[in-house]
Protein backbone atom coordinates (compact mmCIF):
# COMPACT_ATOMS: atom_id res chain seq x y z
CA MET A 1 11.57 0.68 -17.00
CA TYR A 2 8.81 3.17 -17.58
CA TYR A 3 8.33 6.76 -16.56
CA ARG A 4 4.94 8.58 -17.10
CA LEU A 5 4.29 12.02 -16.62
CA GLU A 6 0.67 13.32 -16.63
CA ARG A 7 -0.07 16.09 -19.14
CA GLY A 8 -3.47 17.86 -20.12
CA ILE A 9 -6.25 15.45 -20.92
CA ASP A 10 -6.39 17.11 -24.58
CA GLU A 11 -2.63 16.47 -25.22
CA PRO A 12 -1.65 13.42 -27.42
CA LEU A 13 0.30 10.60 -25.88
CA ARG A 14 4.04 10.89 -26.61
CA ILE A 15 6.65 8.23 -26.11
CA GLY A 16 10.17 8.27 -25.99
CA ILE A 17 12.39 5.16 -26.45
CA ILE A 18 15.74 4.58 -24.86
CA VAL A 19 17.58 1.36 -25.75
CA ALA A 20 21.32 1.30 -24.60
CA ARG A 21 23.95 -0.98 -25.70
CA SER A 22 23.64 -2.95 -22.50
CA VAL A 23 20.42 -4.47 -24.05
CA GLY A 24 22.63 -6.28 -26.66
CA ASN A 25 24.16 -6.19 -30.36
CA ALA A 26 22.69 -3.83 -32.83
CA VAL A 27 20.21 -6.48 -34.08
CA ASP A 28 18.85 -6.92 -30.42
CA ARG A 29 18.49 -3.15 -29.82
CA ASN A 30 16.67 -2.62 -33.13
CA LEU A 31 14.36 -5.61 -32.50
CA VAL A 32 13.50 -3.90 -29.00
CA ARG A 33 13.07 -0.51 -30.45
CA ARG A 34 10.82 -1.76 -33.44
CA ARG A 35 8.78 -3.59 -30.84
CA TYR A 36 8.25 -0.60 -28.60
CA ARG A 37 7.53 1.73 -31.51
CA ALA A 38 4.94 -0.83 -32.85
CA LEU A 39 3.29 -0.96 -29.12
CA GLY A 40 3.17 2.78 -29.04
CA ARG A 41 1.72 3.18 -32.43
CA GLN A 42 -1.23 0.87 -31.25
CA LEU A 43 -1.80 2.99 -28.17
CA VAL A 44 -1.82 6.23 -30.08
CA GLU A 45 -4.29 4.79 -32.75
CA ALA A 46 -6.43 3.49 -29.87
CA GLY A 47 -6.74 6.97 -28.65
CA VAL A 48 -4.67 7.11 -25.59
CA HIS A 49 -3.73 10.56 -24.61
CA GLY A 50 -2.68 12.83 -21.68
CA SER A 51 0.78 11.52 -20.86
CA ASP A 52 4.36 11.50 -21.73
CA LEU A 53 5.78 7.93 -21.51
CA VAL A 54 9.46 7.18 -21.40
CA VAL A 55 10.51 3.58 -21.99
CA ARG A 56 13.90 2.60 -20.99
CA ALA A 57 14.65 -1.04 -22.36
CA LEU A 58 16.66 -2.99 -19.67
CA PRO A 59 19.21 -5.76 -20.55
CA GLY A 60 17.24 -8.79 -21.31
CA SER A 61 14.43 -6.92 -23.09
CA ALA A 62 15.20 -8.66 -26.42
CA GLN A 63 14.48 -12.04 -24.96
CA ARG A 64 11.17 -11.04 -23.73
CA SER A 65 7.94 -11.80 -25.64
CA TRP A 66 5.68 -9.31 -27.34
CA THR A 67 3.01 -10.12 -24.99
CA ALA A 68 5.28 -9.45 -21.94
CA LEU A 69 6.41 -6.16 -23.19
CA ALA A 70 2.84 -5.23 -24.20
CA ASP A 71 1.69 -6.24 -20.66
CA ASP A 72 4.47 -3.94 -19.13
CA MET A 73 3.55 -1.03 -21.16
CA THR A 74 -0.13 -1.08 -20.51
CA ALA A 75 0.68 -1.46 -16.74
CA ALA A 76 2.79 1.52 -16.87
CA LEU A 77 -0.07 3.48 -18.34
CA HIS A 78 -2.36 2.26 -15.66
CA ALA A 79 -0.04 3.17 -12.88
CA SER A 80 -0.67 6.12 -10.97
CA PRO A 81 2.33 8.57 -11.05
CA LEU A 82 2.82 10.33 -7.60
CA GLY A 83 -0.67 9.63 -6.58
CA ALA A 84 -2.47 11.18 -9.60
CA SER A 85 -5.48 9.10 -10.91
CA PRO A 86 -4.40 6.34 -13.55
CA ILE A 87 -5.26 6.66 -17.07
CA THR A 88 -8.41 5.14 -17.77
CA THR A 89 -8.36 5.15 -21.54
CA ALA A 90 -5.31 2.97 -22.17
CA PRO A 91 -6.39 -0.31 -23.81
CA ILE A 92 -4.93 -3.65 -22.85
CA LEU A 93 -2.80 -4.86 -25.52
CA VAL A 94 -3.85 -8.37 -25.47
CA GLY A 95 -3.92 -10.82 -28.54
CA VAL A 96 -1.87 -8.54 -30.65
CA GLY A 97 0.70 -10.34 -32.86
CA ASP A 98 4.27 -9.39 -33.01
CA PRO A 99 5.02 -7.51 -36.27
CA ASP A 100 8.43 -8.99 -36.56
CA VAL A 101 7.01 -12.60 -36.37
CA MET A 102 4.01 -11.78 -38.53
CA ALA A 103 6.29 -10.35 -41.23
CA ARG A 104 8.29 -13.57 -41.83
């Protein structure tokens, strides 16, 4: 679940991540948290700005693929909050590897 709030165009992207116990055990929660942090880092490095994004991981998030999580986060950034214009600087995170898998 994603919540987005528009801020000034010169403001940096800020991301908050909420991973509750309902997502799974500590290993699963940390996996989801690491994945979302890595996705957020890529967005910040790509120059996305002007929004606050809150990510609330739902049960089953630990079983979703890296690509599915990236697609969801990108879609949330492209969505128009409350009728505002969508962010046009958000890159589409396609073809990026899962850092957890790449590290093994």
